Amino acid sequence: RMRVEGAITGVLGLCVIAMVVLIGGASDSFVGSTAADT
C-alpha cells in the first residue's frame, strides 16, 4: 500500500508541476484580450 500511495503521490506531484509550468509559461495567452480590456 505504501508503494502504491507513493507512486500515486509522485505522479500527481509531477502533474501539478507540469500544470504550473504549462500555465505559467502560457499565462499571457490564457488571459487574452477580454481580460486585458476589463
Full PDB file with SEQRES, HELIX, SHEET, SSBOND, CRYST1, ORIGX, SCALE, CONECT and MASTER records, all heavy atoms in Angstrom:
SEQRES   1 A   38  ARG MET ARG VAL GLU GLY ALA ILE THR GLY VAL LEU GLY          
SEQRES   2 A   38  LEU CYS VAL ILE ALA MET VAL VAL LEU ILE GLY GLY ALA          
SEQRES   3 A   38  SER ASP SER PHE VAL GLY SER THR ALA ALA ASP THR              
HELIX    1 AA1 MET A    2  GLY A   25  1                                  24    
HELIX    2 AA2 SER A   27  ASP A   37  1                                  11    
CRYST1    1.000    1.000    1.000  90.00  90.00  90.00 P 1           1          
ORIGX1      1.000000  0.000000  0.000000        0.00000                         
ORIGX2      0.000000  1.000000  0.000000        0.00000                         
ORIGX3      0.000000  0.000000  1.000000        0.00000                         
SCALE1      1.000000  0.000000  0.000000        0.00000                         
SCALE2      0.000000  1.000000  0.000000        0.00000                         
SCALE3      0.000000  0.000000  1.000000        0.00000                         
ATOM      1  N   ARG A   1       0.832  -1.218   0.000  1.00  0.00           N  
ATOM      2  CA  ARG A   1       0.000   0.000   0.000  1.00  0.00           C  
ATOM      3  C   ARG A   1       0.861   1.260   0.000  1.00  0.00           C  
ATOM      4  O   ARG A   1       0.563   2.221  -0.690  1.00  0.00           O  
ATOM      5  CB  ARG A   1      -0.919  -0.016   1.214  1.00  0.00           C  
ATOM      6  CG  ARG A   1      -1.846   1.148   1.283  1.00  0.00           C  
ATOM      7  CD  ARG A   1      -2.774   1.033   2.457  1.00  0.00           C  
ATOM      8  NE  ARG A   1      -3.508   2.275   2.613  1.00  0.00           N  
ATOM      9  CZ  ARG A   1      -4.161   2.592   3.695  1.00  0.00           C  
ATOM     10  NH1 ARG A   1      -4.207   1.773   4.714  1.00  0.00           N  
ATOM     11  NH2 ARG A   1      -4.796   3.738   3.763  1.00  0.00           N  
ATOM     12  N   MET A   2       1.935   1.246   0.782  1.00  0.00           N  
ATOM     13  CA  MET A   2       2.835   2.402   0.830  1.00  0.00           C  
ATOM     14  C   MET A   2       3.487   2.644  -0.530  1.00  0.00           C  
ATOM     15  O   MET A   2       3.639   3.791  -0.962  1.00  0.00           O  
ATOM     16  CB  MET A   2       3.918   2.194   1.892  1.00  0.00           C  
ATOM     17  CG  MET A   2       3.398   2.250   3.316  1.00  0.00           C  
ATOM     18  SD  MET A   2       2.873   3.884   3.795  1.00  0.00           S  
ATOM     19  CE  MET A   2       4.429   4.700   3.892  1.00  0.00           C  
ATOM     20  N   ARG A   3       3.884   1.570  -1.225  1.00  0.00           N  
ATOM     21  CA  ARG A   3       4.486   1.730  -2.556  1.00  0.00           C  
ATOM     22  C   ARG A   3       3.484   2.330  -3.538  1.00  0.00           C  
ATOM     23  O   ARG A   3       3.818   3.230  -4.310  1.00  0.00           O  
ATOM     24  CB  ARG A   3       4.993   0.391  -3.078  1.00  0.00           C  
ATOM     25  CG  ARG A   3       6.324  -0.031  -2.505  1.00  0.00           C  
ATOM     26  CD  ARG A   3       6.915  -1.192  -3.283  1.00  0.00           C  
ATOM     27  NE  ARG A   3       6.048  -2.352  -3.334  1.00  0.00           N  
ATOM     28  CZ  ARG A   3       6.062  -3.356  -2.459  1.00  0.00           C  
ATOM     29  NH1 ARG A   3       6.893  -3.326  -1.440  1.00  0.00           N  
ATOM     30  NH2 ARG A   3       5.242  -4.375  -2.603  1.00  0.00           N  
ATOM     31  N   VAL A   4       2.250   1.835  -3.504  1.00  0.00           N  
ATOM     32  CA  VAL A   4       1.218   2.344  -4.416  1.00  0.00           C  
ATOM     33  C   VAL A   4       0.914   3.810  -4.109  1.00  0.00           C  
ATOM     34  O   VAL A   4       0.849   4.646  -5.023  1.00  0.00           O  
ATOM     35  CB  VAL A   4      -0.062   1.476  -4.331  1.00  0.00           C  
ATOM     36  CG1 VAL A   4      -1.222   2.139  -5.039  1.00  0.00           C  
ATOM     37  CG2 VAL A   4       0.201   0.105  -4.907  1.00  0.00           C  
ATOM     38  N   GLU A   5       0.735   4.144  -2.825  1.00  0.00           N  
ATOM     39  CA  GLU A   5       0.445   5.532  -2.464  1.00  0.00           C  
ATOM     40  C   GLU A   5       1.611   6.453  -2.820  1.00  0.00           C  
ATOM     41  O   GLU A   5       1.401   7.570  -3.271  1.00  0.00           O  
ATOM     42  CB  GLU A   5       0.132   5.634  -0.973  1.00  0.00           C  
ATOM     43  CG  GLU A   5      -1.217   5.066  -0.599  1.00  0.00           C  
ATOM     44  CD  GLU A   5      -1.476   5.103   0.891  1.00  0.00           C  
ATOM     45  OE1 GLU A   5      -0.582   5.515   1.661  1.00  0.00           O  
ATOM     46  OE2 GLU A   5      -2.584   4.718   1.292  1.00  0.00           O  
ATOM     47  N   GLY A   6       2.835   5.979  -2.632  1.00  0.00           N  
ATOM     48  CA  GLY A   6       3.998   6.781  -3.002  1.00  0.00           C  
ATOM     49  C   GLY A   6       4.061   7.032  -4.496  1.00  0.00           C  
ATOM     50  O   GLY A   6       4.361   8.142  -4.946  1.00  0.00           O  
ATOM     51  N   ALA A   7       3.765   6.002  -5.281  1.00  0.00           N  
ATOM     52  CA  ALA A   7       3.779   6.163  -6.737  1.00  0.00           C  
ATOM     53  C   ALA A   7       2.687   7.129  -7.189  1.00  0.00           C  
ATOM     54  O   ALA A   7       2.925   8.001  -8.034  1.00  0.00           O  
ATOM     55  CB  ALA A   7       3.594   4.806  -7.411  1.00  0.00           C  
ATOM     56  N   ILE A   8       1.504   6.994  -6.625  1.00  0.00           N  
ATOM     57  CA  ILE A   8       0.401   7.884  -6.998  1.00  0.00           C  
ATOM     58  C   ILE A   8       0.719   9.319  -6.606  1.00  0.00           C  
ATOM     59  O   ILE A   8       0.494  10.252  -7.383  1.00  0.00           O  
ATOM     60  CB  ILE A   8      -0.916   7.409  -6.349  1.00  0.00           C  
ATOM     61  CG1 ILE A   8      -1.380   6.115  -7.005  1.00  0.00           C  
ATOM     62  CG2 ILE A   8      -2.002   8.466  -6.460  1.00  0.00           C  
ATOM     63  CD1 ILE A   8      -2.548   5.450  -6.311  1.00  0.00           C  
ATOM     64  N   THR A   9       1.263   9.509  -5.422  1.00  0.00           N  
ATOM     65  CA  THR A   9       1.614  10.855  -4.975  1.00  0.00           C  
ATOM     66  C   THR A   9       2.684  11.463  -5.870  1.00  0.00           C  
ATOM     67  O   THR A   9       2.619  12.632  -6.229  1.00  0.00           O  
ATOM     68  CB  THR A   9       2.100  10.832  -3.517  1.00  0.00           C  
ATOM     69  OG1 THR A   9       1.082  10.243  -2.705  1.00  0.00           O  
ATOM     70  CG2 THR A   9       2.404  12.222  -3.006  1.00  0.00           C  
ATOM     71  N   GLY A  10       3.670  10.663  -6.272  1.00  0.00           N  
ATOM     72  CA  GLY A  10       4.720  11.155  -7.157  1.00  0.00           C  
ATOM     73  C   GLY A  10       4.170  11.570  -8.515  1.00  0.00           C  
ATOM     74  O   GLY A  10       4.527  12.626  -9.044  1.00  0.00           O  
ATOM     75  N   VAL A  11       3.299  10.745  -9.066  1.00  0.00           N  
ATOM     76  CA  VAL A  11       2.711  11.067 -10.369  1.00  0.00           C  
ATOM     77  C   VAL A  11       1.852  12.322 -10.276  1.00  0.00           C  
ATOM     78  O   VAL A  11       1.915  13.204 -11.146  1.00  0.00           O  
ATOM     79  CB  VAL A  11       1.888   9.872 -10.901  1.00  0.00           C  
ATOM     80  CG1 VAL A  11       1.039  10.263 -12.089  1.00  0.00           C  
ATOM     81  CG2 VAL A  11       2.810   8.727 -11.266  1.00  0.00           C  
ATOM     82  N   LEU A  12       1.054  12.435  -9.214  1.00  0.00           N  
ATOM     83  CA  LEU A  12       0.225  13.632  -9.050  1.00  0.00           C  
ATOM     84  C   LEU A  12       1.092  14.878  -8.857  1.00  0.00           C  
ATOM     85  O   LEU A  12       0.769  15.948  -9.378  1.00  0.00           O  
ATOM     86  CB  LEU A  12      -0.731  13.471  -7.876  1.00  0.00           C  
ATOM     87  CG  LEU A  12      -1.878  12.487  -8.086  1.00  0.00           C  
ATOM     88  CD1 LEU A  12      -2.681  12.325  -6.802  1.00  0.00           C  
ATOM     89  CD2 LEU A  12      -2.768  12.925  -9.222  1.00  0.00           C  
ATOM     90  N   GLY A  13       2.185  14.737  -8.123  1.00  0.00           N  
ATOM     91  CA  GLY A  13       3.096  15.867  -7.951  1.00  0.00           C  
ATOM     92  C   GLY A  13       3.695  16.313  -9.273  1.00  0.00           C  
ATOM     93  O   GLY A  13       3.783  17.514  -9.554  1.00  0.00           O  
ATOM     94  N   LEU A  14       4.106  15.347 -10.098  1.00  0.00           N  
ATOM     95  CA  LEU A  14       4.644  15.696 -11.414  1.00  0.00           C  
ATOM     96  C   LEU A  14       3.583  16.361 -12.285  1.00  0.00           C  
ATOM     97  O   LEU A  14       3.885  17.303 -13.036  1.00  0.00           O  
ATOM     98  CB  LEU A  14       5.199  14.455 -12.104  1.00  0.00           C  
ATOM     99  CG  LEU A  14       6.492  13.894 -11.515  1.00  0.00           C  
ATOM    100  CD1 LEU A  14       6.853  12.581 -12.199  1.00  0.00           C  
ATOM    101  CD2 LEU A  14       7.621  14.900 -11.653  1.00  0.00           C  
ATOM    102  N   CYS A  15       2.343  15.885 -12.191  1.00  0.00           N  
ATOM    103  CA  CYS A  15       1.256  16.500 -12.963  1.00  0.00           C  
ATOM    104  C   CYS A  15       1.021  17.941 -12.524  1.00  0.00           C  
ATOM    105  O   CYS A  15       0.815  18.822 -13.365  1.00  0.00           O  
ATOM    106  CB  CYS A  15      -0.030  15.695 -12.816  1.00  0.00           C  
ATOM    107  SG  CYS A  15       0.001  14.116 -13.672  1.00  0.00           S  
ATOM    108  N   VAL A  16       1.066  18.178 -11.228  1.00  0.00           N  
ATOM    109  CA  VAL A  16       0.864  19.541 -10.725  1.00  0.00           C  
ATOM    110  C   VAL A  16       2.005  20.446 -11.184  1.00  0.00           C  
ATOM    111  O   VAL A  16       1.776  21.576 -11.629  1.00  0.00           O  
ATOM    112  CB  VAL A  16       0.732  19.544  -9.184  1.00  0.00           C  
ATOM    113  CG1 VAL A  16       0.808  20.946  -8.628  1.00  0.00           C  
ATOM    114  CG2 VAL A  16      -0.566  18.894  -8.781  1.00  0.00           C  
ATOM    115  N   ILE A  17       3.234  19.945 -11.103  1.00  0.00           N  
ATOM    116  CA  ILE A  17       4.378  20.748 -11.554  1.00  0.00           C  
ATOM    117  C   ILE A  17       4.273  21.042 -13.040  1.00  0.00           C  
ATOM    118  O   ILE A  17       4.501  22.174 -13.479  1.00  0.00           O  
ATOM    119  CB  ILE A  17       5.697  20.029 -11.210  1.00  0.00           C  
ATOM    120  CG1 ILE A  17       5.900  20.029  -9.696  1.00  0.00           C  
ATOM    121  CG2 ILE A  17       6.879  20.676 -11.909  1.00  0.00           C  
ATOM    122  CD1 ILE A  17       7.045  19.162  -9.226  1.00  0.00           C  
ATOM    123  N   ALA A  18       3.913  20.025 -13.833  1.00  0.00           N  
ATOM    124  CA  ALA A  18       3.753  20.242 -15.271  1.00  0.00           C  
ATOM    125  C   ALA A  18       2.646  21.249 -15.553  1.00  0.00           C  
ATOM    126  O   ALA A  18       2.788  22.110 -16.436  1.00  0.00           O  
ATOM    127  CB  ALA A  18       3.450  18.914 -15.963  1.00  0.00           C  
ATOM    128  N   MET A  19       1.553  21.171 -14.797  1.00  0.00           N  
ATOM    129  CA  MET A  19       0.455  22.117 -14.988  1.00  0.00           C  
ATOM    130  C   MET A  19       0.902  23.536 -14.677  1.00  0.00           C  
ATOM    131  O   MET A  19       0.595  24.472 -15.423  1.00  0.00           O  
ATOM    132  CB  MET A  19      -0.722  21.741 -14.082  1.00  0.00           C  
ATOM    133  CG  MET A  19      -1.920  22.651 -14.234  1.00  0.00           C  
ATOM    134  SD  MET A  19      -3.236  22.233 -13.099  1.00  0.00           S  
ATOM    135  CE  MET A  19      -2.542  22.767 -11.557  1.00  0.00           C  
ATOM    136  N   VAL A  20       1.656  23.700 -13.598  1.00  0.00           N  
ATOM    137  CA  VAL A  20       2.132  25.031 -13.226  1.00  0.00           C  
ATOM    138  C   VAL A  20       3.069  25.572 -14.290  1.00  0.00           C  
ATOM    139  O   VAL A  20       2.989  26.745 -14.667  1.00  0.00           O  
ATOM    140  CB  VAL A  20       2.814  24.997 -11.841  1.00  0.00           C  
ATOM    141  CG1 VAL A  20       3.553  26.284 -11.560  1.00  0.00           C  
ATOM    142  CG2 VAL A  20       1.786  24.741 -10.764  1.00  0.00           C  
ATOM    143  N   VAL A  21       3.959  24.719 -14.798  1.00  0.00           N  
ATOM    144  CA  VAL A  21       4.897  25.164 -15.830  1.00  0.00           C  
ATOM    145  C   VAL A  21       4.148  25.537 -17.102  1.00  0.00           C  
ATOM    146  O   VAL A  21       4.417  26.581 -17.709  1.00  0.00           O  
ATOM    147  CB  VAL A  21       5.951  24.067 -16.103  1.00  0.00           C  
ATOM    148  CG1 VAL A  21       6.747  24.377 -17.352  1.00  0.00           C  
ATOM    149  CG2 VAL A  21       6.866  23.915 -14.910  1.00  0.00           C  
ATOM    150  N   LEU A  22       3.206  24.705 -17.501  1.00  0.00           N  
ATOM    151  CA  LEU A  22       2.459  24.990 -18.731  1.00  0.00           C  
ATOM    152  C   LEU A  22       1.600  26.239 -18.592  1.00  0.00           C  
ATOM    153  O   LEU A  22       1.558  27.082 -19.482  1.00  0.00           O  
ATOM    154  CB  LEU A  22       1.591  23.795 -19.116  1.00  0.00           C  
ATOM    155  CG  LEU A  22       2.346  22.565 -19.601  1.00  0.00           C  
ATOM    156  CD1 LEU A  22       1.377  21.416 -19.815  1.00  0.00           C  
ATOM    157  CD2 LEU A  22       3.094  22.873 -20.877  1.00  0.00           C  
ATOM    158  N   ILE A  23       0.898  26.356 -17.492  1.00  0.00           N  
ATOM    159  CA  ILE A  23       0.036  27.525 -17.302  1.00  0.00           C  
ATOM    160  C   ILE A  23       0.876  28.772 -17.074  1.00  0.00           C  
ATOM    161  O   ILE A  23       0.566  29.843 -17.582  1.00  0.00           O  
ATOM    162  CB  ILE A  23      -0.957  27.297 -16.146  1.00  0.00           C  
ATOM    163  CG1 ILE A  23      -1.971  26.239 -16.564  1.00  0.00           C  
ATOM    164  CG2 ILE A  23      -1.666  28.584 -15.763  1.00  0.00           C  
ATOM    165  CD1 ILE A  23      -2.934  25.855 -15.478  1.00  0.00           C  
ATOM    166  N   GLY A  24       1.956  28.632 -16.306  1.00  0.00           N  
ATOM    167  CA  GLY A  24       2.819  29.783 -16.054  1.00  0.00           C  
ATOM    168  C   GLY A  24       3.497  30.279 -17.324  1.00  0.00           C  
ATOM    169  O   GLY A  24       3.643  31.481 -17.535  1.00  0.00           O  
ATOM    170  N   GLY A  25       3.878  29.354 -18.197  1.00  0.00           N  
ATOM    171  CA  GLY A  25       4.534  29.749 -19.437  1.00  0.00           C  
ATOM    172  C   GLY A  25       3.576  30.344 -20.451  1.00  0.00           C  
ATOM    173  O   GLY A  25       3.961  31.157 -21.282  1.00  0.00           O  
ATOM    174  N   ALA A  26       2.332  29.934 -20.395  1.00  0.00           N  
ATOM    175  CA  ALA A  26       1.357  30.407 -21.371  1.00  0.00           C  
ATOM    176  C   ALA A  26       0.290  31.278 -20.724  1.00  0.00           C  
ATOM    177  O   ALA A  26      -0.828  31.372 -21.218  1.00  0.00           O  
ATOM    178  CB  ALA A  26       0.708  29.210 -22.058  1.00  0.00           C  
ATOM    179  N   SER A  27       0.603  31.918 -19.623  1.00  0.00           N  
ATOM    180  CA  SER A  27      -0.418  32.695 -18.921  1.00  0.00           C  
ATOM    181  C   SER A  27      -0.900  33.893 -19.733  1.00  0.00           C  
ATOM    182  O   SER A  27      -2.037  34.302 -19.616  1.00  0.00           O  
ATOM    183  CB  SER A  27       0.105  33.165 -17.568  1.00  0.00           C  
ATOM    184  OG  SER A  27       1.214  34.025 -17.767  1.00  0.00           O  
ATOM    185  N   ASP A  28      -0.038  34.453 -20.579  1.00  0.00           N  
ATOM    186  CA  ASP A  28      -0.482  35.582 -21.400  1.00  0.00           C  
ATOM    187  C   ASP A  28      -1.543  35.165 -22.406  1.00  0.00           C  
ATOM    188  O   ASP A  28      -2.489  35.905 -22.662  1.00  0.00           O  
ATOM    189  CB  ASP A  28       0.715  36.188 -22.140  1.00  0.00           C  
ATOM    190  CG  ASP A  28       1.706  36.834 -21.186  1.00  0.00           C  
ATOM    191  OD1 ASP A  28       1.273  37.206 -20.072  1.00  0.00           O  
ATOM    192  OD2 ASP A  28       2.886  36.935 -21.538  1.00  0.00           O  
ATOM    193  N   SER A  29      -1.407  33.961 -22.953  1.00  0.00           N  
ATOM    194  CA  SER A  29      -2.412  33.521 -23.921  1.00  0.00           C  
ATOM    195  C   SER A  29      -3.727  33.181 -23.239  1.00  0.00           C  
ATOM    196  O   SER A  29      -4.779  33.288 -23.842  1.00  0.00           O  
ATOM    197  CB  SER A  29      -1.897  32.306 -24.702  1.00  0.00           C  
ATOM    198  OG  SER A  29      -1.695  31.212 -23.831  1.00  0.00           O  
ATOM    199  N   PHE A  30      -3.697  32.750 -21.975  1.00  0.00           N  
ATOM    200  CA  PHE A  30      -4.934  32.445 -21.263  1.00  0.00           C  
ATOM    201  C   PHE A  30      -5.673  33.711 -20.863  1.00  0.00           C  
ATOM    202  O   PHE A  30      -6.882  33.734 -20.802  1.00  0.00           O  
ATOM    203  CB  PHE A  30      -4.658  31.610 -20.014  1.00  0.00           C  
ATOM    204  CG  PHE A  30      -4.372  30.163 -20.309  1.00  0.00           C  
ATOM    205  CD1 PHE A  30      -3.228  29.565 -19.818  1.00  0.00           C  
ATOM    206  CD2 PHE A  30      -5.233  29.412 -21.076  1.00  0.00           C  
ATOM    207  CE1 PHE A  30      -2.963  28.237 -20.087  1.00  0.00           C  
ATOM    208  CE2 PHE A  30      -4.981  28.087 -21.352  1.00  0.00           C  
ATOM    209  CZ  PHE A  30      -3.839  27.504 -20.858  1.00  0.00           C  
ATOM    210  N   VAL A  31      -4.935  34.759 -20.533  1.00  0.00           N  
ATOM    211  CA  VAL A  31      -5.579  35.999 -20.107  1.00  0.00           C  
ATOM    212  C   VAL A  31      -6.360  36.595 -21.259  1.00  0.00           C  
ATOM    213  O   VAL A  31      -7.511  36.948 -21.134  1.00  0.00           O  
ATOM    214  CB  VAL A  31      -4.537  36.994 -19.542  1.00  0.00           C  
ATOM    215  CG1 VAL A  31      -5.182  38.330 -19.271  1.00  0.00           C  
ATOM    216  CG2 VAL A  31      -3.919  36.435 -18.291  1.00  0.00           C  
ATOM    217  N   GLY A  32      -5.746  36.685 -22.411  1.00  0.00           N  
ATOM    218  CA  GLY A  32      -6.428  37.133 -23.612  1.00  0.00           C  
ATOM    219  C   GLY A  32      -6.808  38.605 -23.591  1.00  0.00           C  
ATOM    220  O   GLY A  32      -6.554  39.328 -22.642  1.00  0.00           O  
ATOM    221  N   SER A  33      -7.429  39.031 -24.672  1.00  0.00           N  
ATOM    222  CA  SER A  33      -7.764  40.441 -24.814  1.00  0.00           C  
ATOM    223  C   SER A  33      -8.970  40.822 -23.966  1.00  0.00           C  
ATOM    224  O   SER A  33      -9.083  41.950 -23.522  1.00  0.00           O  
ATOM    225  CB  SER A  33      -8.037  40.761 -26.279  1.00  0.00           C  
ATOM    226  OG  SER A  33      -9.147  40.010 -26.733  1.00  0.00           O  
ATOM    227  N   THR A  34      -9.901  39.903 -23.730  1.00  0.00           N  
ATOM    228  CA  THR A  34     -11.083  40.227 -22.937  1.00  0.00           C  
ATOM    229  C   THR A  34     -10.690  40.579 -21.508  1.00  0.00           C  
ATOM    230  O   THR A  34     -11.163  41.561 -20.949  1.00  0.00           O  
ATOM    231  CB  THR A  34     -12.069  39.044 -22.927  1.00  0.00           C  
ATOM    232  OG1 THR A  34     -12.358  38.677 -24.258  1.00  0.00           O  
ATOM    233  CG2 THR A  34     -13.331  39.409 -22.200  1.00  0.00           C  
ATOM    234  N   ALA A  35      -9.787  39.780 -20.927  1.00  0.00           N  
ATOM    235  CA  ALA A  35      -9.342  40.064 -19.569  1.00  0.00           C  
ATOM    236  C   ALA A  35      -8.520  41.344 -19.539  1.00  0.00           C  
ATOM    237  O   ALA A  35      -8.591  42.118 -18.579  1.00  0.00           O  
ATOM    238  CB  ALA A  35      -8.521  38.896 -19.018  1.00  0.00           C  
ATOM    239  N   ALA A  36      -7.739  41.575 -20.576  1.00  0.00           N  
ATOM    240  CA  ALA A  36      -6.940  42.791 -20.614  1.00  0.00           C  
ATOM    241  C   ALA A  36      -7.836  44.021 -20.746  1.00  0.00           C  
ATOM    242  O   ALA A  36      -7.534  45.075 -20.172  1.00  0.00           O  
ATOM    243  CB  ALA A  36      -5.956  42.733 -21.780  1.00  0.00           C  
ATOM    244  N   ASP A  37      -8.948  43.892 -21.457  1.00  0.00           N  
ATOM    245  CA  ASP A  37      -9.870  45.017 -21.616  1.00  0.00           C  
ATOM    246  C   ASP A  37     -10.583  45.334 -20.306  1.00  0.00           C  
ATOM    247  O   ASP A  37     -10.747  46.493 -19.943  1.00  0.00           O  
ATOM    248  CB  ASP A  37     -10.915  44.711 -22.696  1.00  0.00           C  
ATOM    249  CG  ASP A  37     -10.288  44.614 -24.083  1.00  0.00           C  
ATOM    250  OD1 ASP A  37      -9.149  45.114 -24.247  1.00  0.00           O  
ATOM    251  OD2 ASP A  37     -10.924  44.025 -24.967  1.00  0.00           O  
ATOM    252  N   THR A  38     -11.018  44.299 -19.594  1.00  0.00           N  
ATOM    253  CA  THR A  38     -11.787  44.527 -18.376  1.00  0.00           C  
ATOM    254  C   THR A  38     -10.914  44.672 -17.144  1.00  0.00           C  
ATOM    255  O   THR A  38     -11.333  45.248 -16.153  1.00  0.00           O  
ATOM    256  CB  THR A  38     -12.769  43.365 -18.130  1.00  0.00           C  
ATOM    257  OG1 THR A  38     -12.021  42.152 -17.979  1.00  0.00           O  
ATOM    258  CG2 THR A  38     -13.754  43.234 -19.272  1.00  0.00           C  
TER     259      THR A  38                                                      
MASTER        0    0    0    2    0    0    0    6  258    1    0    3          
END                                                                             
